[in-house]
Structures are given as C-alpha cells and as structure tokens.
C-alpha cells in the first residue's frame, strides 16, 4: 500500500498504518485518527485436571492449618488418655505408652467416657472443629466439582519473560520496537522474536502455547471475535507497550491533505471511529456464534436443560484417592506377610536350637 501511494498508483492509502520515521520519507501522513498499543496474545491456560477438585475448596495455607489443627488435637487426646489414670490416682491401671495408645486408637474403638472437665472440654473442641471444617469443605466442594478452575496466567511483560516463550509476529516491525525499548524485559524479548510472512504459519505455535503473538490491540480484539474456537482459546495480556498513532497515507505534497484532515477531525470528534470498530466486532462475533450454533443444532437438540449431573470426570478425584489407598493397603499387606514369615522363621530356628 505504501509503495502504491509512493509510486502515484494510488491517491490514498487506508489501513492500519502506523506513523513511523521510515515511512515519513516516502508518503505524507494525514492527521492521526486512532491510537493503538502493541499487545501480546497468548493461548488460554487449560483448566486444571478434575481429579484435583478435592483439594480446591481450601488453599494451601488452609490445608496446612487444618492438618496442624488435627495433629495438635490428636496429640492432646493422646496425652489426656495417657495421663488420666495418673491424675485420677488409680495405681491399679497400668500407664500406657505413646505407641500403645496409638495402636489402640487405630486398631480398635476405644470405649472411653471422659470423667474430668478438661477432657470433656477437649472433646467438645474436637467435635466443634470437625463439624466446622466438614461443613465448610462440603459446601465449597460442590462448586468446584461442577465448575472448571483456570489457573492464574501471566499478564505482565516480566511474567512473559519468565515463561521463556517465543514472540512471533508478521515481519520484523515489532522486533525493532522491542530492541529499542527501555524496559530490560522487553529488550530481552527481542532475542526470542521470530518473524513470519503470513498468519497461517504463526498461529500453530501460539495455539500450542509455545509462543505469543505480538500485534496492535485492535487487530488482536478482532481476531478474538472472529477466530473459530469452541471455547475462548486465545487471550490478550493486560500489559501492553509502545502506543502508535494510526493515520492515512497520501502522496507527497498531495493537495488532498487539508480536506482529508478536516473530515478525519469531524469523525474523531463525533466518536464514529471507535463506534464503527466496536460495531464491526459485534457483527463478527454474532456471525461466528451463528455459524457455531448451526453446526451444533442437532447435538444440542437432544440435550435437556436443567442441573448438570456429575460425570465420571467430575468425581475422578475420589477414584484417584481410592486407587492410592488401595495401593497403600496392598503394600501394608505385603509388609505384614513378610513380617509374619520372618517371625515364623525366627520361631522355628529357636525351636531347633532348643531341641
């Protein structure tokens, strides 16, 4: 387009044309009618696996606090059980060791009625603690079983730099902008820049999550509105850089500049530039959704509206824990068999020595 205007094959060039010093020598710019930022578009972070839903109701710090709370209450109960005979002055009962108390608690139910007020108060604290934690966990678990959780994604230039992803775009225009940036993270991204001649060769790496696409924000917003994804597969990072003014291209010393500038100023003052862009996004988005609905009409006709029943994928976490506990039980069973065999062999050797 710039070449056609410069060679007088065209009188006016209309497009997403950024003002730059290099082009200013060959074409005449009109009054800027828009300002765009250079932004990064990345693939949407995939949701976390369903089997981790059992851990989502509480944060990592909350799980640690719950574990420490249970451990402290367990130790308090063990200590109370060990010291109760001594405090009650019952010398006939033999004092239990910590190992014996743990074995008794985990192997068989303990018919123990607390006689001291301290023990009753401790059991009341345990009961209240377990009730509150259980209700809070179950209430929050229902939401996480039916709603997929998206992990936090990088939204800053520094976060993008830490990921080590490549930066791709059309041509090398944005590479010069990265190399001349003051921000050290932006300057470092210039070393990862990979230019392409067409969008078809740039999208695969972006969709796979191996690279991010660098372009002006309006183009990225239009791409999000028109790209055929069943779910939002692309997103725009919040932090952008390098604002560029957008204008029309005219021939050098063109007599049309005064008239074109006057009309552009009227369009800017009336807000039509932004209005037309948002309207084009709405039309494009509706067209994409209409095509997607037509393709899925037969599939959705058989589905009924209402609550979504939990599938095997939703409750996969319970089966995951079940498999782990079964494996742990099998290992314990094997250990018990080996121990019993070793004790039997030792007993037989002792009998042989006696005989």
Protein backbone atom coordinates (compact mmCIF):
# COMPACT_ATOMS: atom_id res chain seq x y z
CA UNK A 1 0.00 0.00 0.00
CA UNK A 2 2.79 2.44 0.87
CA UNK A 3 4.56 1.53 -2.35
CA UNK A 4 1.44 2.15 -4.45
CA UNK A 5 0.91 5.57 -2.87
CA UNK A 6 4.59 6.48 -3.28
CA UNK A 7 4.61 5.47 -6.97
CA UNK A 8 1.40 7.51 -7.63
CA UNK A 9 -0.58 4.37 -8.48
CA UNK A 10 -2.95 5.32 -5.62
CA UNK A 11 -4.01 8.68 -4.19
CA UNK A 12 -4.99 7.48 -0.70
CA UNK A 13 -3.97 4.53 1.44
CA UNK A 14 -6.48 3.36 4.07
CA UNK A 15 -5.44 0.71 6.56
CA UNK A 16 -3.96 0.05 9.98
CA UNK A 17 -0.97 2.24 9.09
CA UNK A 18 1.31 3.25 11.96
CA UNK A 19 3.23 6.52 11.88
CA UNK A 20 6.94 5.82 11.57
CA UNK A 21 10.01 7.85 10.66
CA UNK A 22 11.00 5.48 7.82
CA UNK A 23 7.65 5.76 6.03
CA UNK A 24 7.51 9.52 6.56
CA UNK A 25 10.15 9.91 3.84
CA UNK A 26 8.03 8.26 1.14
CA UNK A 27 4.40 9.13 1.99
CA UNK A 28 2.52 12.01 3.57
CA UNK A 29 0.56 11.15 6.72
CA UNK A 30 -2.84 12.58 7.49
CA UNK A 31 -4.00 13.64 10.95
CA UNK A 32 -3.91 10.56 13.25
CA UNK A 33 -7.41 9.24 13.85
CA UNK A 34 -6.64 6.46 16.33
CA UNK A 35 -4.01 5.26 18.82
CA UNK A 36 -3.16 1.60 19.23
CA UNK A 37 -0.92 -0.25 21.65
CA UNK A 38 1.37 -3.16 20.98
CA UNK A 39 -0.02 -6.10 22.92
CA UNK A 40 0.70 -9.79 23.29
CA UNK A 41 -1.83 -12.51 22.52
CA UNK A 42 -1.33 -15.91 24.11
CA UNK A 43 -3.22 -19.16 24.26
CA UNK A 44 -5.68 -19.61 27.08
CA UNK A 45 -4.32 -21.59 30.00
CA UNK A 46 -6.01 -25.03 30.07
CA UNK A 47 -8.13 -25.80 33.13
CA UNK A 48 -6.70 -27.85 35.95
CA UNK A 49 -7.47 -31.60 35.93
CA UNK A 50 -10.72 -32.64 37.57
CA UNK A 51 -9.08 -35.05 39.99
CA UNK A 52 -7.59 -32.06 41.81
CA UNK A 53 -11.05 -30.73 42.65
CA UNK A 54 -10.89 -32.38 46.07
CA UNK A 55 -8.08 -30.01 47.07
CA UNK A 56 -9.60 -26.81 45.65
CA UNK A 57 -12.03 -25.94 48.50
CA UNK A 58 -9.11 -24.92 50.72
CA UNK A 59 -5.94 -23.06 49.84
CA UNK A 60 -2.50 -24.47 50.57
CA UNK A 61 -2.22 -22.42 53.75
CA UNK A 62 -5.69 -23.53 54.86
CA UNK A 63 -4.83 -27.21 54.34
CA UNK A 64 -1.66 -26.77 56.40
CA UNK A 65 -3.64 -25.08 59.17
CA UNK A 66 -6.25 -27.89 59.13
CA UNK A 67 -3.52 -30.51 59.31
CA UNK A 68 -1.74 -28.79 62.18
CA UNK A 69 -5.06 -28.37 63.98
CA UNK A 70 -5.88 -32.06 63.66
CA UNK A 71 -2.37 -33.05 64.75
CA UNK A 72 -2.48 -30.84 67.82
CA UNK A 73 -5.92 -32.16 68.83
CA UNK A 74 -4.77 -35.73 68.30
CA UNK A 75 -1.71 -35.19 70.48
CA UNK A 76 -3.86 -33.53 73.12
CA UNK A 77 -6.22 -36.51 73.17
CA UNK A 78 -3.33 -38.98 73.41
CA UNK A 79 -1.71 -37.06 76.25
CA UNK A 80 -5.04 -36.79 78.06
CA UNK A 81 -5.61 -40.53 77.66
CA UNK A 82 -2.13 -41.34 78.97
CA UNK A 83 -2.28 -39.02 81.98
CA UNK A 84 -5.89 -39.63 83.05
CA UNK A 85 -5.13 -42.69 85.25
CA UNK A 86 -2.33 -40.83 86.98
CA UNK A 87 -4.41 -37.73 87.62
CA UNK A 88 -7.30 -39.81 88.84
CA UNK A 89 -4.97 -41.61 91.24
CA UNK A 90 -5.70 -45.11 90.02
CA UNK A 91 -2.45 -47.01 90.59
CA UNK A 92 -4.02 -50.31 89.64
CA UNK A 93 -4.24 -49.29 85.99
CA UNK A 94 -1.05 -49.57 84.08
CA UNK A 95 0.10 -46.37 82.36
CA UNK A 96 0.04 -46.63 78.56
CA UNK A 97 2.92 -45.64 76.39
CA UNK A 98 2.50 -43.41 73.33
CA UNK A 99 2.96 -46.37 70.99
CA UNK A 100 0.34 -48.45 72.79
CA UNK A 101 -2.12 -45.58 72.75
CA UNK A 102 -1.68 -45.03 69.00
CA UNK A 103 -2.14 -48.75 68.31
CA UNK A 104 -5.26 -48.81 70.45
CA UNK A 105 -6.74 -45.78 68.73
CA UNK A 106 -6.17 -47.06 65.19
CA UNK A 107 -6.82 -50.78 65.67
CA UNK A 108 -10.00 -50.87 67.75
CA UNK A 109 -12.62 -48.43 69.03
CA UNK A 110 -11.97 -47.00 72.47
CA UNK A 111 -14.92 -47.05 74.89
CA UNK A 112 -13.67 -44.16 76.93
CA UNK A 113 -16.00 -41.86 78.88
CA UNK A 114 -14.21 -38.70 79.96
CA UNK A 115 -14.57 -38.10 83.69
CA UNK A 116 -12.61 -34.86 84.03
CA UNK A 117 -13.87 -31.48 82.91
CA UNK A 118 -10.67 -30.86 80.94
CA UNK A 119 -11.23 -34.00 78.87
CA UNK A 120 -14.86 -33.10 78.21
CA UNK A 121 -13.86 -29.63 77.12
CA UNK A 122 -11.21 -31.07 74.80
CA UNK A 123 -13.71 -33.44 73.17
CA UNK A 124 -16.14 -30.55 72.70
CA UNK A 125 -13.40 -28.59 70.91
CA UNK A 126 -12.66 -31.59 68.67
CA UNK A 127 -16.35 -32.03 67.84
CA UNK A 128 -16.83 -28.35 67.01
CA UNK A 129 -13.61 -28.24 64.98
CA UNK A 130 -14.56 -31.27 62.87
CA UNK A 131 -18.12 -30.01 62.26
CA UNK A 132 -16.99 -26.57 61.09
CA UNK A 133 -14.24 -27.89 58.81
CA UNK A 134 -16.50 -30.58 57.33
CA UNK A 135 -19.38 -28.19 56.57
CA UNK A 136 -17.03 -25.60 55.04
CA UNK A 137 -15.31 -28.22 52.89
CA UNK A 138 -18.50 -29.89 51.63
CA UNK A 139 -20.18 -26.57 50.82
CA UNK A 140 -17.25 -25.37 48.75
CA UNK A 141 -16.58 -28.75 47.16
CA UNK A 142 -19.92 -28.76 45.31
CA UNK A 143 -18.95 -25.65 43.36
CA UNK A 144 -15.52 -26.93 42.39
CA UNK A 145 -16.90 -30.29 41.19
CA UNK A 146 -19.18 -28.60 38.62
CA UNK A 147 -17.05 -25.60 37.59
CA UNK A 148 -13.65 -25.96 35.99
CA UNK A 149 -10.87 -23.95 37.60
CA UNK A 150 -8.49 -21.97 35.41
CA UNK A 151 -5.00 -21.47 36.88
CA UNK A 152 -3.65 -17.91 37.00
CA UNK A 153 -1.93 -16.86 33.78
CA UNK A 154 0.87 -14.38 33.17
CA UNK A 155 -0.40 -10.86 32.49
CA UNK A 156 2.79 -8.77 32.62
CA UNK A 157 5.89 -8.46 30.47
CA UNK A 158 8.00 -9.80 33.32
CA UNK A 159 5.72 -12.82 33.63
CA UNK A 160 6.04 -13.42 29.90
CA UNK A 161 9.82 -13.18 30.14
CA UNK A 162 9.89 -15.74 32.98
CA UNK A 163 7.94 -18.28 30.91
CA UNK A 164 10.62 -18.42 28.20
CA UNK A 165 8.02 -18.40 25.38
CA UNK A 166 8.88 -17.20 21.89
CA UNK A 167 7.49 -13.96 20.47
CA UNK A 168 6.11 -14.07 16.94
CA UNK A 169 4.55 -11.53 14.56
CA UNK A 170 4.30 -10.56 10.91
CA UNK A 171 7.59 -9.21 9.62
CA UNK A 172 10.21 -7.54 11.81
CA UNK A 173 8.41 -4.29 12.57
CA UNK A 174 7.76 -5.10 16.24
CA UNK A 175 11.22 -6.60 16.72
CA UNK A 176 12.72 -3.13 16.30
CA UNK A 177 10.27 -1.82 18.89
CA UNK A 178 11.31 -4.48 21.38
CA UNK A 179 15.01 -3.90 20.77
CA UNK A 180 14.68 -0.13 21.31
CA UNK A 181 12.59 -0.44 24.49
CA UNK A 182 13.89 0.91 27.80
CA UNK A 183 12.35 -1.93 29.82
CA UNK A 184 15.02 -4.65 30.17
CA UNK A 185 12.41 -7.42 29.94
CA UNK A 186 11.06 -6.05 26.65
CA UNK A 187 14.59 -5.68 25.31
CA UNK A 188 15.30 -9.31 26.19
CA UNK A 189 12.18 -10.46 24.33
CA UNK A 190 13.75 -9.16 21.09
CA UNK A 191 16.20 -12.10 21.23
CA UNK A 192 13.24 -14.53 21.18
CA UNK A 193 11.44 -12.82 18.30
CA UNK A 194 10.50 -14.94 15.28
CA UNK A 195 9.03 -13.17 12.26
CA UNK A 196 6.59 -14.78 9.81
CA UNK A 197 5.41 -13.91 6.33
CA UNK A 198 1.77 -14.91 6.92
CA UNK A 199 -0.57 -15.59 9.83
CA UNK A 200 -1.11 -19.24 8.86
CA UNK A 201 2.45 -20.08 9.86
CA UNK A 202 2.30 -18.08 13.11
CA UNK A 203 -0.94 -19.40 14.67
CA UNK A 204 0.05 -23.06 15.30
CA UNK A 205 2.82 -22.17 17.77
CA UNK A 206 0.53 -19.67 19.52
CA UNK A 207 -2.35 -22.15 19.85
CA UNK A 208 0.01 -24.84 21.21
CA UNK A 209 1.27 -22.44 23.87
CA UNK A 210 4.84 -22.35 22.58
CA UNK A 211 4.77 -18.67 21.55
CA UNK A 212 2.83 -15.43 21.91
CA UNK A 213 1.74 -13.20 19.05
CA UNK A 214 2.69 -9.51 19.12
CA UNK A 215 0.42 -7.07 17.32
CA UNK A 216 -1.75 -3.99 17.69
CA UNK A 217 -4.65 -4.31 20.11
CA UNK A 218 -7.46 -3.64 17.61
CA UNK A 219 -6.27 -6.45 15.36
CA UNK A 220 -5.99 -8.81 18.34
CA UNK A 221 -9.50 -7.92 19.52
CA UNK A 222 -10.85 -8.57 16.03
CA UNK A 223 -9.03 -11.92 15.95
CA UNK A 224 -10.61 -12.96 19.25
CA UNK A 225 -14.05 -12.06 17.88
CA UNK A 226 -13.65 -13.98 14.63
CA UNK A 227 -11.35 -16.92 15.39
CA UNK A 228 -13.30 -20.22 15.23
CA UNK A 229 -12.84 -21.59 18.74
CA UNK A 230 -15.48 -23.58 20.60
CA UNK A 231 -14.16 -22.05 23.82
CA UNK A 232 -12.02 -18.91 24.21
CA UNK A 233 -8.67 -20.38 23.19
CA UNK A 234 -6.82 -17.06 22.91
CA UNK A 235 -6.48 -14.08 25.22
CA UNK A 236 -4.77 -10.68 25.28
CA UNK A 237 -2.29 -9.86 28.02
CA UNK A 238 -3.26 -6.92 30.21
CA UNK A 239 0.11 -5.16 29.99
CA UNK A 240 0.86 -3.54 26.63
CA UNK A 241 3.56 -1.16 25.43
CA UNK A 242 4.57 1.29 22.66
CA UNK A 243 1.46 3.25 21.61
CA UNK A 244 1.36 4.03 17.89
CA UNK A 245 -0.70 6.66 16.08
CA UNK A 246 -2.73 5.44 13.10
CA UNK A 247 -3.29 7.63 10.05
CA UNK A 248 -3.97 7.56 6.31
CA UNK A 249 -1.24 7.64 3.67
CA UNK A 250 -1.22 10.27 0.92
CA UNK A 251 1.17 11.14 -1.86
CA UNK A 252 3.96 13.57 -1.06
CA UNK A 253 2.75 17.19 -1.41
CA UNK A 254 -0.80 15.96 -2.03
CA UNK A 255 -3.48 18.70 -2.29
CA UNK A 256 -5.95 16.33 -0.61
CA UNK A 257 -4.35 16.57 2.84
CA UNK A 258 -6.32 19.62 4.06
CA UNK A 259 -9.68 18.15 3.06
CA UNK A 260 -8.84 14.69 4.45
CA UNK A 261 -7.66 16.13 7.79
CA UNK A 262 -10.85 18.18 8.16
CA UNK A 263 -13.07 15.13 7.62
CA UNK A 264 -10.99 12.99 9.97
CA UNK A 265 -11.25 15.56 12.74
CA UNK A 266 -15.02 15.54 12.39
CA UNK A 267 -15.07 11.74 12.61
CA UNK A 268 -12.85 11.79 15.70
CA UNK A 269 -14.95 14.43 17.46
CA UNK A 270 -18.16 12.51 16.78
CA UNK A 271 -16.70 9.24 18.13
CA UNK A 272 -17.54 7.31 14.98
CA UNK A 273 -14.09 5.73 14.66
CA UNK A 274 -14.42 3.78 17.89
CA UNK A 275 -18.13 3.20 17.32
CA UNK A 276 -17.58 1.61 13.92
CA UNK A 277 -14.82 -0.61 15.29
CA UNK A 278 -16.96 -1.90 18.18
CA UNK A 279 -19.87 -2.42 15.79
CA UNK A 280 -17.67 -4.48 13.48
CA UNK A 281 -16.59 -6.63 16.45
CA UNK A 282 -20.21 -7.22 17.42
CA UNK A 283 -21.21 -8.21 13.89
CA UNK A 284 -18.20 -10.53 13.54
CA UNK A 285 -18.86 -12.16 16.89
CA UNK A 286 -22.54 -12.70 16.10
CA UNK A 287 -21.66 -14.21 12.73
CA UNK A 288 -19.22 -16.64 14.33
CA UNK A 289 -21.74 -17.63 17.02
CA UNK A 290 -24.47 -18.09 14.42
CA UNK A 291 -22.29 -20.47 12.41
CA UNK A 292 -21.34 -22.39 15.53
CA UNK A 293 -24.99 -22.72 16.57
CA UNK A 294 -25.97 -24.07 13.17
CA UNK A 295 -23.26 -26.71 13.39
CA UNK A 296 -24.31 -27.81 16.88
CA UNK A 297 -28.09 -27.70 16.40
CA UNK A 298 -28.55 -31.46 16.15
CA UNK A 299 -26.17 -32.11 19.03
CA UNK A 300 -27.90 -29.69 21.39
CA UNK A 301 -31.43 -30.73 20.39
CA UNK A 302 -31.08 -33.97 22.30
CA UNK A 303 -29.84 -32.30 25.46
CA UNK A 304 -32.24 -31.27 28.21
CA UNK A 305 -32.00 -28.09 30.20
CA UNK A 306 -31.58 -28.33 33.94
CA UNK A 307 -28.97 -29.31 36.51
CA UNK A 308 -25.84 -30.92 35.13
CA UNK A 309 -25.36 -34.46 36.54
CA UNK A 310 -21.92 -35.27 37.85
CA UNK A 311 -19.99 -37.42 35.41
CA UNK A 312 -17.06 -39.74 35.98
CA UNK A 313 -14.75 -36.85 35.10
CA UNK A 314 -16.22 -34.71 37.90
CA UNK A 315 -15.62 -37.31 40.63
CA UNK A 316 -12.35 -38.67 39.27
CA UNK A 317 -10.53 -37.31 42.34
CA UNK A 318 -12.36 -39.77 44.62
CA UNK A 319 -11.31 -42.72 42.44
CA UNK A 320 -7.77 -41.35 42.31
CA UNK A 321 -7.60 -41.35 46.13
CA UNK A 322 -9.25 -44.78 46.16
CA UNK A 323 -6.51 -46.23 43.95
CA UNK A 324 -3.77 -44.68 46.09
CA UNK A 325 -5.26 -46.07 49.32
CA UNK A 326 -5.73 -49.49 47.73
CA UNK A 327 -2.09 -49.49 46.68
CA UNK A 328 -1.03 -48.41 50.15
CA UNK A 329 -3.16 -51.18 51.67
CA UNK A 330 -1.56 -53.71 49.34
CA UNK A 331 1.91 -52.57 50.37
CA UNK A 332 0.96 -52.85 54.05
CA UNK A 333 -0.43 -56.34 53.42
CA UNK A 334 2.80 -57.41 51.74
CA UNK A 335 4.81 -55.95 54.64
CA UNK A 336 2.68 -57.87 57.14
CA UNK A 337 3.19 -61.11 55.19
CA UNK A 338 6.95 -60.58 55.13
CA UNK A 339 6.98 -59.76 58.84
CA UNK A 340 4.89 -62.80 59.72
CA UNK A 341 7.13 -65.02 57.62
CA UNK A 342 10.25 -63.61 59.26
CA UNK A 343 8.79 -64.15 62.74
CA UNK A 344 7.80 -67.71 61.84
CA UNK A 345 11.30 -68.50 60.58
CA UNK A 346 12.81 -66.99 63.72
CA UNK A 347 10.50 -69.05 65.90
CA UNK A 348 11.39 -72.24 64.04
CA UNK A 349 15.10 -71.53 64.47
CA UNK A 350 14.63 -71.00 68.20
CA UNK A 351 12.78 -74.29 68.46
CA UNK A 352 15.56 -76.08 66.56
CA UNK A 353 18.20 -74.62 68.88
CA UNK A 354 16.28 -75.80 71.97
CA UNK A 355 15.86 -79.28 70.59
